[in-house]
């Protein structure tokens, strides 16, 4: 190859780098394992110093219901989070993101959007008369909980089965995936989001103020409801 061709090739690559930088392009970071199946390093119970009520069971991360939600030590802005989960019949959990951890914010859900995890078919919701009225679409697995129903309600594998979840956040564009299918797609903090929040139970909570960074949380819905997680990893963008 002649020196002229080499120079042209180098100039081509340099031009592409300049264009990428001008467009704000940034390559994704490396994948970081958040749970390796053996220890809870990098996690603690919400508003506590250490992990309470969560433990490793046969390579999975699960809870005995005594410690509340589990949160990462670190905050994240733009990221991709992948995880696998399994719930028994009649159970409820979730993965929250943009969690603000402060003593005056008593629960993770008060500040954070939630990737809903629930037994779509068997979870019992009763009205004032005790009648089981079932779940609303915005309460189904993969939904942006109580805000956006899943785009595909068939993606969930039944209770007792392992499911694969993914949350992708890029410049406040949020997407949820369930078993490879896109189930939520919204712009966090835009006019539509604000209008939906104003009509929701979140309107008077810190949730209603859009914020870029926060922690990841695994939800312990209550002491009677079980969940298992495994293969949790994240990469920042």
Protein backbone atom coordinates (compact mmCIF):
# COMPACT_ATOMS: atom_id res chain seq x y z
CA UNK A 1 0.00 0.00 0.00
CA UNK A 2 1.42 3.37 -0.97
CA UNK A 3 2.00 6.13 1.55
CA UNK A 4 -0.66 8.18 -0.27
CA UNK A 5 -3.27 5.46 0.29
CA UNK A 6 -2.22 5.11 3.92
CA UNK A 7 -2.60 8.85 4.42
CA UNK A 8 -6.06 8.81 2.83
CA UNK A 9 -7.10 5.88 5.03
CA UNK A 10 -5.83 7.63 8.16
CA UNK A 11 -7.66 10.80 7.18
CA UNK A 12 -10.87 8.80 6.64
CA UNK A 13 -10.70 7.28 10.12
CA UNK A 14 -9.83 10.64 11.68
CA UNK A 15 -12.82 12.26 9.95
CA UNK A 16 -15.15 9.57 11.30
CA UNK A 17 -13.83 10.12 14.81
CA UNK A 18 -14.40 13.88 14.51
CA UNK A 19 -17.96 13.33 13.21
CA UNK A 20 -18.72 10.89 16.02
CA UNK A 21 -17.46 13.32 18.64
CA UNK A 22 -19.43 16.18 17.08
CA UNK A 23 -22.59 14.07 17.25
CA UNK A 24 -22.01 13.29 20.90
CA UNK A 25 -21.32 9.61 20.21
CA UNK A 26 -19.85 7.62 23.05
CA UNK A 27 -19.16 3.90 22.85
CA UNK A 28 -20.86 1.77 25.52
CA UNK A 29 -18.76 0.87 28.52
CA UNK A 30 -17.82 -2.67 29.47
CA UNK A 31 -20.30 -4.97 31.14
CA UNK A 32 -20.00 -5.06 34.93
CA UNK A 33 -21.46 -7.97 36.89
CA UNK A 34 -23.70 -6.71 39.71
CA UNK A 35 -24.44 -10.18 41.08
CA UNK A 36 -22.15 -13.11 40.38
CA UNK A 37 -24.17 -15.81 42.15
CA UNK A 38 -21.95 -15.92 45.23
CA UNK A 39 -22.03 -12.64 47.16
CA UNK A 40 -23.91 -9.37 47.72
CA UNK A 41 -20.93 -7.07 47.24
CA UNK A 42 -22.02 -3.69 45.85
CA UNK A 43 -25.53 -3.89 47.36
CA UNK A 44 -27.20 -2.81 50.59
CA UNK A 45 -30.74 -2.55 51.91
CA UNK A 46 -32.42 0.78 51.22
CA UNK A 47 -31.47 3.40 53.82
CA UNK A 48 -29.34 0.86 55.68
CA UNK A 49 -25.61 0.30 55.84
CA UNK A 50 -25.64 -3.33 54.72
CA UNK A 51 -27.81 -5.95 53.06
CA UNK A 52 -30.53 -7.23 55.39
CA UNK A 53 -32.95 -10.03 54.56
CA UNK A 54 -31.41 -10.80 51.16
CA UNK A 55 -29.21 -13.83 50.61
CA UNK A 56 -27.66 -16.14 48.04
CA UNK A 57 -29.58 -19.35 47.33
CA UNK A 58 -28.26 -21.84 44.78
CA UNK A 59 -26.59 -19.10 42.76
CA UNK A 60 -29.61 -16.78 42.89
CA UNK A 61 -30.32 -13.61 44.84
CA UNK A 62 -33.48 -13.82 46.93
CA UNK A 63 -35.15 -12.40 50.04
CA UNK A 64 -36.75 -13.62 53.25
CA UNK A 65 -38.97 -10.54 53.43
CA UNK A 66 -37.36 -8.87 56.44
CA UNK A 67 -35.08 -6.25 54.91
CA UNK A 68 -37.03 -4.20 52.39
CA UNK A 69 -35.65 -3.35 48.96
CA UNK A 70 -32.03 -3.97 47.97
CA UNK A 71 -30.16 -1.13 46.22
CA UNK A 72 -26.83 -0.71 44.50
CA UNK A 73 -24.08 1.21 46.23
CA UNK A 74 -23.54 3.17 43.02
CA UNK A 75 -25.76 5.57 41.06
CA UNK A 76 -26.25 5.35 37.29
CA UNK A 77 -27.34 7.74 34.55
CA UNK A 78 -27.35 6.25 31.04
CA UNK A 79 -27.06 2.47 31.19
CA UNK A 80 -28.17 -0.94 30.02
CA UNK A 81 -29.19 -3.36 32.77
CA UNK A 82 -29.78 -7.05 32.11
CA UNK A 83 -31.15 -9.57 34.60
CA UNK A 84 -33.04 -12.83 34.92
CA UNK A 85 -35.90 -13.30 37.36
CA UNK A 86 -38.37 -15.90 38.58
CA UNK A 87 -41.39 -15.57 40.85
CA UNK A 88 -43.72 -18.17 42.38
CA UNK A 89 -47.46 -18.12 41.81
CA UNK A 90 -49.21 -15.08 43.27
CA UNK A 91 -46.04 -13.08 43.86
CA UNK A 92 -44.98 -9.51 43.07
CA UNK A 93 -41.63 -7.72 42.74
CA UNK A 94 -39.87 -5.27 40.45
CA UNK A 95 -36.63 -3.60 39.42
CA UNK A 96 -36.48 0.14 40.06
CA UNK A 97 -34.05 2.67 38.61
CA UNK A 98 -33.23 6.34 39.23
CA UNK A 99 -33.71 5.59 42.93
CA UNK A 100 -32.93 8.54 45.23
CA UNK A 101 -31.70 7.18 48.54
CA UNK A 102 -32.39 9.67 51.34
CA UNK A 103 -33.65 9.17 54.91
CA UNK A 104 -36.68 11.38 54.23
CA UNK A 105 -37.71 9.23 51.24
CA UNK A 106 -38.99 6.14 52.98
CA UNK A 107 -39.41 3.79 50.01
CA UNK A 108 -37.70 3.30 46.66
CA UNK A 109 -40.98 3.59 44.75
CA UNK A 110 -41.45 7.16 46.02
CA UNK A 111 -38.67 8.38 43.70
CA UNK A 112 -38.14 5.76 41.02
CA UNK A 113 -39.71 4.26 37.89
CA UNK A 114 -40.26 0.52 38.12
CA UNK A 115 -39.90 -2.39 35.74
CA UNK A 116 -42.85 -4.39 37.00
CA UNK A 117 -42.48 -8.08 37.89
CA UNK A 118 -45.63 -9.93 38.90
CA UNK A 119 -47.59 -13.13 38.35
CA UNK A 120 -49.81 -11.76 35.57
CA UNK A 121 -52.25 -14.67 35.70
CA UNK A 122 -52.67 -15.44 39.39
CA UNK A 123 -52.00 -12.27 41.37
CA UNK A 124 -55.01 -11.33 43.48
CA UNK A 125 -56.22 -7.72 43.68
CA UNK A 126 -59.40 -7.23 45.69
CA UNK A 127 -61.86 -4.35 45.65
CA UNK A 128 -63.64 -2.93 48.70
CA UNK A 129 -66.11 -5.84 48.68
CA UNK A 130 -63.39 -8.47 48.65
CA UNK A 131 -63.92 -9.40 45.01
CA UNK A 132 -60.82 -10.25 42.96
CA UNK A 133 -60.73 -7.65 40.17
CA UNK A 134 -57.37 -8.67 38.72
CA UNK A 135 -54.52 -6.54 37.47
CA UNK A 136 -54.73 -3.40 35.37
CA UNK A 137 -52.64 -3.35 32.16
CA UNK A 138 -50.20 -0.87 33.78
CA UNK A 139 -49.55 -3.46 36.50
CA UNK A 140 -48.47 -6.32 34.24
CA UNK A 141 -44.91 -7.63 34.00
CA UNK A 142 -42.60 -5.42 31.95
CA UNK A 143 -44.77 -2.33 32.36
CA UNK A 144 -43.41 1.00 33.48
CA UNK A 145 -45.39 0.41 36.65
CA UNK A 146 -48.66 2.36 36.89
CA UNK A 147 -47.64 4.57 33.95
CA UNK A 148 -47.20 2.61 30.70
CA UNK A 149 -48.74 -0.83 30.03
CA UNK A 150 -46.56 -3.42 28.28
CA UNK A 151 -46.51 -3.12 24.50
CA UNK A 152 -46.62 -6.91 24.28
CA UNK A 153 -48.60 -8.65 27.02
CA UNK A 154 -47.63 -12.10 25.70
CA UNK A 155 -43.89 -11.81 26.41
CA UNK A 156 -44.08 -12.99 30.04
CA UNK A 157 -43.34 -16.63 30.81
CA UNK A 158 -45.61 -18.04 33.55
CA UNK A 159 -44.77 -18.03 37.26
CA UNK A 160 -42.09 -20.55 38.24
CA UNK A 161 -40.32 -19.89 34.89
CA UNK A 162 -37.15 -17.90 34.36
CA UNK A 163 -37.64 -14.65 32.43
CA UNK A 164 -35.02 -12.28 31.02
CA UNK A 165 -35.40 -8.55 31.58
CA UNK A 166 -33.53 -5.54 30.25
CA UNK A 167 -33.75 -1.82 30.99
CA UNK A 168 -32.03 0.63 28.64
CA UNK A 169 -31.74 4.35 29.43
CA UNK A 170 -30.11 6.75 26.96
CA UNK A 171 -30.58 10.52 27.22
CA UNK A 172 -33.82 9.85 29.15
CA UNK A 173 -35.15 7.58 26.42
CA UNK A 174 -36.20 4.53 28.44
CA UNK A 175 -36.95 1.07 27.08
CA UNK A 176 -37.96 -2.13 28.85
CA UNK A 177 -37.42 -5.53 27.25
CA UNK A 178 -38.92 -8.85 28.34
CA UNK A 179 -37.55 -12.07 26.89
CA UNK A 180 -36.13 -10.09 23.99
CA UNK A 181 -39.35 -8.21 23.18
CA UNK A 182 -39.77 -4.44 23.58
CA UNK A 183 -42.47 -3.93 26.21
CA UNK A 184 -42.03 -0.28 27.26
CA UNK A 185 -40.73 2.73 25.36
CA UNK A 186 -41.03 6.25 26.75
CA UNK A 187 -39.23 9.56 27.15
CA UNK A 188 -38.59 10.21 30.82
CA UNK A 189 -39.36 13.77 31.87
CA UNK A 190 -41.09 14.95 28.67
CA UNK A 191 -44.55 16.54 28.43
CA UNK A 192 -46.33 13.20 28.03
CA UNK A 193 -44.53 11.77 31.04
CA UNK A 194 -45.39 14.84 33.14
CA UNK A 195 -49.06 14.60 32.13
CA UNK A 196 -49.16 10.92 33.10
CA UNK A 197 -47.49 11.63 36.43
CA UNK A 198 -49.99 14.40 37.16
CA UNK A 199 -52.82 11.84 36.88
CA UNK A 200 -51.06 9.20 38.98
CA UNK A 201 -50.38 8.45 42.63
CA UNK A 202 -46.81 9.63 41.99
CA UNK A 203 -47.73 13.30 41.54
CA UNK A 204 -46.96 14.34 45.12
CA UNK A 205 -43.84 12.21 45.50
CA UNK A 206 -40.18 12.92 44.60
CA UNK A 207 -40.92 10.66 41.62
CA UNK A 208 -42.68 13.64 39.99
CA UNK A 209 -39.42 15.59 39.66
CA UNK A 210 -37.40 14.16 36.77
CA UNK A 211 -33.78 13.41 37.63
CA UNK A 212 -30.95 11.91 35.60
CA UNK A 213 -29.08 9.67 38.02
CA UNK A 214 -30.09 7.19 40.68
CA UNK A 215 -29.54 3.74 42.11
CA UNK A 216 -30.89 0.38 40.96
CA UNK A 217 -33.23 -1.42 43.36
CA UNK A 218 -34.62 -4.95 43.62
CA UNK A 219 -38.02 -4.89 45.23
CA UNK A 220 -39.10 -6.96 48.21
CA UNK A 221 -42.83 -6.30 47.85
CA UNK A 222 -43.75 -7.84 51.19
CA UNK A 223 -42.71 -10.59 53.58
CA UNK A 224 -44.93 -13.21 51.94
CA UNK A 225 -43.91 -12.65 48.32
CA UNK A 226 -40.80 -14.32 46.93
CA UNK A 227 -38.55 -13.54 43.98
CA UNK A 228 -35.27 -14.88 42.62
CA UNK A 229 -32.73 -12.94 40.52
CA UNK A 230 -29.60 -14.10 38.72
CA UNK A 231 -27.12 -12.99 36.03
CA UNK A 232 -27.45 -9.28 36.83
CA UNK A 233 -25.08 -7.06 34.87
CA UNK A 234 -24.88 -3.43 33.76
CA UNK A 235 -22.92 -1.22 31.41
CA UNK A 236 -22.87 2.55 31.38
CA UNK A 237 -23.25 4.48 28.14
